[in-house]
Amino acid sequence: MNEFKKHKNQIYLGITVLALALAAVLLIDHAVRRGQEQSEAAETVTMKTEKEKKDSVIISVNTETIQDGLANMGVLITQEYYFTQLEKYSKEKTYLKFITTLSEFTYSYDGKVLAGVDFDKIKVTKDDGANTITIVMPPSEIRAVTIDRDTFKIYSEKESIWNPLKLEDYNISLAEFENAARDKAVQNGILERSDEQARNLVRQFILNLPNMSKYTINFQ
């Protein structure tokens, strides 16, 4: 009888030890799983935060780069108009209210008219929600008229002894020639071509920046 009780107690003891061991295993497994879940959650939050910060930096840099990059170009010559122009200069003088004397000459020069845009005055606005960039550009202006003085030619000259031609007359004729060349270049569309070329340069500059291909560029 005593032997039977002894075996019975040993069986109960074994069951108890086994139950405790199983409980310990379950507790350890639960702790490990919970730790992994917390680690994964923390990693997800960290990755999300880093991505948001990265995206924010990219947008900020792009906007800053556009404005600064365009401004650093300064006044950019975007169109040139070459010409060989023939002009006539005349000078009249009247003596005694009825005697008129005339001196004149016909001449030509080679040169070019330069038109461009002040990129420092360009204004940039950006709508990330609509994926649009709006560029406000100043109009093109005639920036210079350059004349090659070595190409000066006189085709005909008529000079009155009472009204001789002087160096001052040639200087005046040159100023008139520059104005005529400027007007002719404008009439031939130099400013419109300059505006279009400037828009193309701005568009290429922006689209070559990182992450800008998705944006639509509008000009005003």
C-alpha atoms as a PDB file:
ATOM      1  CA  MET A   1       0.000   0.000   0.000  1.00  0.00           C
ATOM      2  CA  ASN A   2       2.786   2.348   0.913  1.00  0.00           C
ATOM      3  CA  GLU A   3       4.557   1.467  -2.292  1.00  0.00           C
ATOM      4  CA  PHE A   4       1.491   2.406  -4.306  1.00  0.00           C
ATOM      5  CA  LYS A   5       1.268   5.819  -2.606  1.00  0.00           C
ATOM      6  CA  LYS A   6       4.908   6.395  -3.279  1.00  0.00           C
ATOM      7  CA  HIS A   7       4.490   5.790  -7.028  1.00  0.00           C
ATOM      8  CA  LYS A   8       1.398   7.957  -7.066  1.00  0.00           C
ATOM      9  CA  ASN A   9       3.258  10.866  -5.479  1.00  0.00           C
ATOM     10  CA  GLN A  10       6.077  10.519  -7.987  1.00  0.00           C
ATOM     11  CA  ILE A  11       3.566  10.673 -10.850  1.00  0.00           C
ATOM     12  CA  TYR A  12       1.976  13.844  -9.415  1.00  0.00           C
ATOM     13  CA  LEU A  13       5.396  15.399  -8.990  1.00  0.00           C
ATOM     14  CA  GLY A  14       6.332  14.629 -12.591  1.00  0.00           C
ATOM     15  CA  ILE A  15       3.107  16.122 -13.886  1.00  0.00           C
ATOM     16  CA  THR A  16       3.680  19.267 -11.825  1.00  0.00           C
ATOM     17  CA  VAL A  17       7.253  19.705 -13.099  1.00  0.00           C
ATOM     18  CA  LEU A  18       6.115  19.161 -16.677  1.00  0.00           C
ATOM     19  CA  ALA A  19       3.330  21.748 -16.280  1.00  0.00           C
ATOM     20  CA  LEU A  20       5.749  24.270 -14.835  1.00  0.00           C
ATOM     21  CA  ALA A  21       8.233  23.683 -17.661  1.00  0.00           C
ATOM     22  CA  LEU A  22       5.502  24.089 -20.289  1.00  0.00           C
ATOM     23  CA  ALA A  23       4.320  27.311 -18.649  1.00  0.00           C
ATOM     24  CA  ALA A  24       7.888  28.636 -18.645  1.00  0.00           C
ATOM     25  CA  VAL A  25       8.275  27.817 -22.338  1.00  0.00           C
ATOM     26  CA  LEU A  26       5.006  29.580 -23.174  1.00  0.00           C
ATOM     27  CA  LEU A  27       6.014  32.646 -21.177  1.00  0.00           C
ATOM     28  CA  ILE A  28       9.406  32.818 -22.879  1.00  0.00           C
ATOM     29  CA  ASP A  29       7.831  32.405 -26.336  1.00  0.00           C
ATOM     30  CA  HIS A  30       5.293  35.144 -25.586  1.00  0.00           C
ATOM     31  CA  ALA A  31       8.036  37.499 -24.422  1.00  0.00           C
ATOM     32  CA  VAL A  32      10.116  36.835 -27.543  1.00  0.00           C
ATOM     33  CA  ARG A  33       7.164  37.396 -29.882  1.00  0.00           C
ATOM     34  CA  ARG A  34       6.190  40.613 -28.138  1.00  0.00           C
ATOM     35  CA  GLY A  35       9.748  41.876 -28.343  1.00  0.00           C
ATOM     36  CA  GLN A  36       9.880  41.130 -32.074  1.00  0.00           C
ATOM     37  CA  GLU A  37       6.566  42.894 -32.670  1.00  0.00           C
ATOM     38  CA  GLN A  38       7.734  45.969 -30.765  1.00  0.00           C
ATOM     39  CA  SER A  39      11.026  45.961 -32.676  1.00  0.00           C
ATOM     40  CA  GLU A  40       9.236  45.674 -36.032  1.00  0.00           C
ATOM     41  CA  ALA A  41       6.816  48.453 -35.073  1.00  0.00           C
ATOM     42  CA  ALA A  42       9.682  50.706 -33.999  1.00  0.00           C
ATOM     43  CA  GLU A  43      11.567  49.933 -37.219  1.00  0.00           C
ATOM     44  CA  THR A  44       8.470  50.743 -39.305  1.00  0.00           C
ATOM     45  CA  VAL A  45       7.996  54.080 -37.531  1.00  0.00           C
ATOM     46  CA  THR A  46      11.687  54.894 -37.950  1.00  0.00           C
ATOM     47  CA  MET A  47      11.634  54.056 -41.677  1.00  0.00           C
ATOM     48  CA  LYS A  48       8.464  56.104 -42.179  1.00  0.00           C
ATOM     49  CA  THR A  49       9.943  59.080 -40.331  1.00  0.00           C
ATOM     50  CA  GLU A  50      13.184  58.870 -42.298  1.00  0.00           C
ATOM     51  CA  LYS A  51      11.232  58.673 -45.600  1.00  0.00           C
ATOM     52  CA  GLU A  52       9.099  61.685 -44.691  1.00  0.00           C
ATOM     53  CA  LYS A  53      12.192  63.652 -43.711  1.00  0.00           C
ATOM     54  CA  LYS A  54      13.937  62.617 -46.920  1.00  0.00           C
ATOM     55  CA  ASP A  55      10.958  63.630 -49.085  1.00  0.00           C
ATOM     56  CA  SER A  56      10.733  66.953 -47.259  1.00  0.00           C
ATOM     57  CA  VAL A  57      14.415  67.669 -47.869  1.00  0.00           C
ATOM     58  CA  ILE A  58      14.139  66.818 -51.581  1.00  0.00           C
ATOM     59  CA  ILE A  59      11.195  69.192 -52.099  1.00  0.00           C
ATOM     60  CA  SER A  60      12.901  72.005 -50.190  1.00  0.00           C
ATOM     61  CA  VAL A  61      16.193  71.625 -52.075  1.00  0.00           C
ATOM     62  CA  ASN A  62      14.485  71.519 -55.473  1.00  0.00           C
ATOM     63  CA  THR A  63      12.565  74.726 -54.876  1.00  0.00           C
ATOM     64  CA  GLU A  64      15.653  76.469 -53.598  1.00  0.00           C
ATOM     65  CA  THR A  65      17.771  75.175 -56.464  1.00  0.00           C
ATOM     66  CA  ILE A  66      15.343  76.423 -59.105  1.00  0.00           C
ATOM     67  CA  GLN A  67      15.207  79.970 -57.743  1.00  0.00           C
ATOM     68  CA  ASP A  68      18.919  80.279 -56.991  1.00  0.00           C
ATOM     69  CA  GLY A  69      20.028  78.553 -60.181  1.00  0.00           C
ATOM     70  CA  LEU A  70      17.996  80.855 -62.420  1.00  0.00           C
ATOM     71  CA  ALA A  71      19.000  83.976 -60.500  1.00  0.00           C
ATOM     72  CA  ASN A  72      22.684  83.084 -60.827  1.00  0.00           C
ATOM     73  CA  MET A  73      22.389  83.198 -64.631  1.00  0.00           C
ATOM     74  CA  GLY A  74      21.876  86.973 -64.460  1.00  0.00           C
ATOM     75  CA  VAL A  75      21.167  88.729 -67.761  1.00  0.00           C
ATOM     76  CA  LEU A  76      21.282  86.025 -70.407  1.00  0.00           C
ATOM     77  CA  ILE A  77      21.545  86.839 -74.108  1.00  0.00           C
ATOM     78  CA  THR A  78      19.096  84.472 -75.754  1.00  0.00           C
ATOM     79  CA  GLN A  79      18.927  85.827 -79.309  1.00  0.00           C
ATOM     80  CA  GLU A  80      21.247  87.582 -81.783  1.00  0.00           C
ATOM     81  CA  TYR A  81      20.277  89.378 -84.986  1.00  0.00           C
ATOM     82  CA  TYR A  82      23.064  89.849 -87.545  1.00  0.00           C
ATOM     83  CA  PHE A  83      22.807  92.487 -90.222  1.00  0.00           C
ATOM     84  CA  THR A  84      24.497  94.392 -93.003  1.00  0.00           C
ATOM     85  CA  GLN A  85      22.623  97.630 -93.286  1.00  0.00           C
ATOM     86  CA  LEU A  86      22.689 100.450 -95.812  1.00  0.00           C
ATOM     87  CA  GLU A  87      21.756 103.920 -94.602  1.00  0.00           C
ATOM     88  CA  LYS A  88      21.755 107.475 -95.870  1.00  0.00           C
ATOM     89  CA  TYR A  89      22.730 110.514 -93.843  1.00  0.00           C
ATOM     90  CA  SER A  90      21.730 114.031 -94.921  1.00  0.00           C
ATOM     91  CA  LYS A  91      22.434 117.468 -93.513  1.00  0.00           C
ATOM     92  CA  GLU A  92      20.781 120.663 -94.714  1.00  0.00           C
ATOM     93  CA  LYS A  93      21.546 124.275 -93.972  1.00  0.00           C
ATOM     94  CA  THR A  94      19.705 127.381 -95.101  1.00  0.00           C
ATOM     95  CA  TYR A  95      21.375 130.717 -95.647  1.00  0.00           C
ATOM     96  CA  LEU A  96      19.632 134.064 -96.027  1.00  0.00           C
ATOM     97  CA  LYS A  97      16.285 132.246 -95.622  1.00  0.00           C
ATOM     98  CA  PHE A  98      16.229 131.026 -99.215  1.00  0.00           C
ATOM     99  CA  ILE A  99      19.607 129.462-100.033  1.00  0.00           C
ATOM    100  CA  THR A 100      19.640 125.767 -99.050  1.00  0.00           C
ATOM    101  CA  THR A 101      22.760 123.641 -99.075  1.00  0.00           C
ATOM    102  CA  LEU A 102      22.795 119.853 -98.788  1.00  0.00           C
ATOM    103  CA  SER A 103      25.525 117.428 -97.839  1.00  0.00           C
ATOM    104  CA  GLU A 104      24.899 113.698 -97.666  1.00  0.00           C
ATOM    105  CA  PHE A 105      26.474 110.284 -97.898  1.00  0.00           C
ATOM    106  CA  THR A 106      25.293 106.696 -98.220  1.00  0.00           C
ATOM    107  CA  TYR A 107      27.094 104.105 -96.136  1.00  0.00           C
ATOM    108  CA  SER A 108      26.848 100.621 -94.643  1.00  0.00           C
ATOM    109  CA  TYR A 109      27.984  98.704 -91.560  1.00  0.00           C
ATOM    110  CA  ASP A 110      27.932  95.084 -90.406  1.00  0.00           C
ATOM    111  CA  GLY A 111      26.799  94.358 -86.873  1.00  0.00           C
ATOM    112  CA  LYS A 112      24.455  92.515 -84.574  1.00  0.00           C
ATOM    113  CA  VAL A 113      21.615  93.253 -82.180  1.00  0.00           C
ATOM    114  CA  LEU A 114      21.548  91.332 -78.888  1.00  0.00           C
ATOM    115  CA  ALA A 115      18.352  90.551 -76.976  1.00  0.00           C
ATOM    116  CA  GLY A 116      18.019  88.800 -73.646  1.00  0.00           C
ATOM    117  CA  VAL A 117      16.205  88.265 -70.356  1.00  0.00           C
ATOM    118  CA  ASP A 118      17.224  89.167 -66.814  1.00  0.00           C
ATOM    119  CA  PHE A 119      16.920  85.747 -65.148  1.00  0.00           C
ATOM    120  CA  ASP A 120      17.408  87.328 -61.725  1.00  0.00           C
ATOM    121  CA  LYS A 121      13.877  88.758 -62.070  1.00  0.00           C
ATOM    122  CA  ILE A 122      12.226  85.392 -62.746  1.00  0.00           C
ATOM    123  CA  LYS A 123       9.717  84.349 -60.072  1.00  0.00           C
ATOM    124  CA  VAL A 124       9.018  80.675 -59.321  1.00  0.00           C
ATOM    125  CA  THR A 125       6.012  79.174 -57.522  1.00  0.00           C
ATOM    126  CA  LYS A 126       5.460  75.457 -56.952  1.00  0.00           C
ATOM    127  CA  ASP A 127       2.271  73.490 -56.253  1.00  0.00           C
ATOM    128  CA  ASP A 128       3.224  69.991 -55.087  1.00  0.00           C
ATOM    129  CA  GLY A 129      -0.416  68.939 -54.822  1.00  0.00           C
ATOM    130  CA  ALA A 130      -1.129  69.730 -58.478  1.00  0.00           C
ATOM    131  CA  ASN A 131       2.424  68.872 -59.629  1.00  0.00           C
ATOM    132  CA  THR A 132       2.797  72.245 -61.349  1.00  0.00           C
ATOM    133  CA  ILE A 133       5.510  74.888 -61.447  1.00  0.00           C
ATOM    134  CA  THR A 134       4.608  78.417 -62.529  1.00  0.00           C
ATOM    135  CA  ILE A 135       7.312  80.687 -63.949  1.00  0.00           C
ATOM    136  CA  VAL A 136       6.756  84.446 -64.181  1.00  0.00           C
ATOM    137  CA  MET A 137       9.320  85.840 -66.620  1.00  0.00           C
ATOM    138  CA  PRO A 138      10.158  89.456 -67.467  1.00  0.00           C
ATOM    139  CA  PRO A 139       9.956  90.269 -71.194  1.00  0.00           C
ATOM    140  CA  SER A 140      13.044  90.218 -73.385  1.00  0.00           C
ATOM    141  CA  GLU A 141      14.795  93.509 -74.029  1.00  0.00           C
ATOM    142  CA  ILE A 142      17.358  94.755 -76.535  1.00  0.00           C
ATOM    143  CA  ARG A 143      20.586  94.557 -74.557  1.00  0.00           C
ATOM    144  CA  ALA A 144      23.093  95.911 -77.070  1.00  0.00           C
ATOM    145  CA  VAL A 145      23.738  96.915 -80.650  1.00  0.00           C
ATOM    146  CA  THR A 146      27.297  96.186 -81.719  1.00  0.00           C
ATOM    147  CA  ILE A 147      28.761  97.528 -84.948  1.00  0.00           C
ATOM    148  CA  ASP A 148      31.933  96.343 -86.636  1.00  0.00           C
ATOM    149  CA  ARG A 149      33.581  99.649 -87.499  1.00  0.00           C
ATOM    150  CA  ASP A 150      36.061  97.885 -89.768  1.00  0.00           C
ATOM    151  CA  THR A 151      33.193  97.092 -92.145  1.00  0.00           C
ATOM    152  CA  PHE A 152      32.279 100.773 -92.685  1.00  0.00           C
ATOM    153  CA  LYS A 153      31.803 101.566 -96.375  1.00  0.00           C
ATOM    154  CA  ILE A 154      30.783 104.782 -98.140  1.00  0.00           C
ATOM    155  CA  TYR A 155      28.951 104.255-101.425  1.00  0.00           C
ATOM    156  CA  SER A 156      28.272 107.845-102.374  1.00  0.00           C
ATOM    157  CA  GLU A 157      29.069 111.208-100.912  1.00  0.00           C
ATOM    158  CA  LYS A 158      27.877 114.688-101.773  1.00  0.00           C
ATOM    159  CA  GLU A 159      29.341 117.591 -99.875  1.00  0.00           C
ATOM    160  CA  SER A 160      28.576 121.300-100.183  1.00  0.00           C
ATOM    161  CA  ILE A 161      31.386 123.763 -99.596  1.00  0.00           C
ATOM    162  CA  TRP A 162      28.889 125.820 -97.608  1.00  0.00           C
ATOM    163  CA  ASN A 163      27.850 122.860 -95.518  1.00  0.00           C
ATOM    164  CA  PRO A 164      30.855 120.545 -95.125  1.00  0.00           C
ATOM    165  CA  LEU A 165      30.650 117.158 -93.444  1.00  0.00           C
ATOM    166  CA  LYS A 166      32.456 116.905 -90.115  1.00  0.00           C
ATOM    167  CA  LEU A 167      33.418 114.151 -87.686  1.00  0.00           C
ATOM    168  CA  GLU A 168      30.392 115.097 -85.616  1.00  0.00           C
ATOM    169  CA  ASP A 169      28.177 114.241 -88.583  1.00  0.00           C
ATOM    170  CA  TYR A 170      29.651 110.756 -88.809  1.00  0.00           C
ATOM    171  CA  ASN A 171      29.061 110.215 -85.082  1.00  0.00           C
ATOM    172  CA  ILE A 172      25.456 111.355 -85.461  1.00  0.00           C
ATOM    173  CA  SER A 173      24.997 109.033 -88.422  1.00  0.00           C
ATOM    174  CA  LEU A 174      26.340 106.133 -86.369  1.00  0.00           C
ATOM    175  CA  ALA A 175      23.812 106.766 -83.574  1.00  0.00           C
ATOM    176  CA  GLU A 176      21.018 106.924 -86.148  1.00  0.00           C
ATOM    177  CA  PHE A 177      22.324 103.719 -87.691  1.00  0.00           C
ATOM    178  CA  GLU A 178      22.198 101.895 -84.327  1.00  0.00           C
ATOM    179  CA  ASN A 179      18.604 103.012 -83.767  1.00  0.00           C
ATOM    180  CA  ALA A 180      17.639 101.875 -87.268  1.00  0.00           C
ATOM    181  CA  ALA A 181      19.277  98.474 -86.693  1.00  0.00           C
ATOM    182  CA  ARG A 182      17.478  98.121 -83.357  1.00  0.00           C
ATOM    183  CA  ASP A 183      14.098  98.934 -84.932  1.00  0.00           C
ATOM    184  CA  LYS A 184      14.691  96.528 -87.803  1.00  0.00           C
ATOM    185  CA  ALA A 185      15.604  93.699 -85.417  1.00  0.00           C
ATOM    186  CA  VAL A 186      12.431  94.282 -83.389  1.00  0.00           C
ATOM    187  CA  GLN A 187      10.333  94.304 -86.555  1.00  0.00           C
ATOM    188  CA  ASN A 188      11.882  90.971 -87.531  1.00  0.00           C
ATOM    189  CA  GLY A 189      10.768  89.368 -84.256  1.00  0.00           C
ATOM    190  CA  ILE A 190      13.977  89.265 -82.234  1.00  0.00           C
ATOM    191  CA  LEU A 191      12.138  89.835 -78.923  1.00  0.00           C
ATOM    192  CA  GLU A 192       9.600  87.064 -79.526  1.00  0.00           C
ATOM    193  CA  ARG A 193      12.366  84.598 -80.443  1.00  0.00           C
ATOM    194  CA  SER A 194      14.330  85.672 -77.389  1.00  0.00           C
ATOM    195  CA  ASP A 195      11.316  85.019 -75.130  1.00  0.00           C
ATOM    196  CA  GLU A 196      10.818  81.548 -76.595  1.00  0.00           C
ATOM    197  CA  GLN A 197      14.484  80.664 -76.243  1.00  0.00           C
ATOM    198  CA  ALA A 198      14.478  81.842 -72.623  1.00  0.00           C
ATOM    199  CA  ARG A 199      11.444  79.664 -71.856  1.00  0.00           C
ATOM    200  CA  ASN A 200      13.189  76.652 -73.394  1.00  0.00           C
ATOM    201  CA  LEU A 201      16.286  77.250 -71.265  1.00  0.00           C
ATOM    202  CA  VAL A 202      14.230  77.521 -68.075  1.00  0.00           C
ATOM    203  CA  ARG A 203      12.243  74.387 -68.934  1.00  0.00           C
ATOM    204  CA  GLN A 204      15.395  72.359 -69.625  1.00  0.00           C
ATOM    205  CA  PHE A 205      17.037  73.608 -66.434  1.00  0.00           C
ATOM    206  CA  ILE A 206      14.093  72.541 -64.272  1.00  0.00           C
ATOM    207  CA  LEU A 207      13.483  69.165 -65.922  1.00  0.00           C
ATOM    208  CA  ASN A 208      17.152  68.236 -65.514  1.00  0.00           C
ATOM    209  CA  LEU A 209      16.810  68.527 -61.734  1.00  0.00           C
ATOM    210  CA  PRO A 210      16.089  65.349 -59.715  1.00  0.00           C
ATOM    211  CA  ASN A 211      12.439  64.319 -59.237  1.00  0.00           C
ATOM    212  CA  MET A 212      11.070  67.104 -61.470  1.00  0.00           C
ATOM    213  CA  SER A 213       9.896  65.098 -64.496  1.00  0.00           C
ATOM    214  CA  LYS A 214       6.396  64.698 -63.009  1.00  0.00           C
ATOM    215  CA  TYR A 215       5.793  68.469 -62.906  1.00  0.00           C
ATOM    216  CA  THR A 216       4.028  70.539 -65.557  1.00  0.00           C
ATOM    217  CA  ILE A 217       5.761  73.871 -66.183  1.00  0.00           C
ATOM    218  CA  ASN A 218       3.576  76.898 -66.932  1.00  0.00           C
ATOM    219  CA  PHE A 219       4.844  80.314 -68.030  1.00  0.00           C
ATOM    220  CA  GLN A 220       3.279  83.693 -67.395  1.00  0.00           C
END
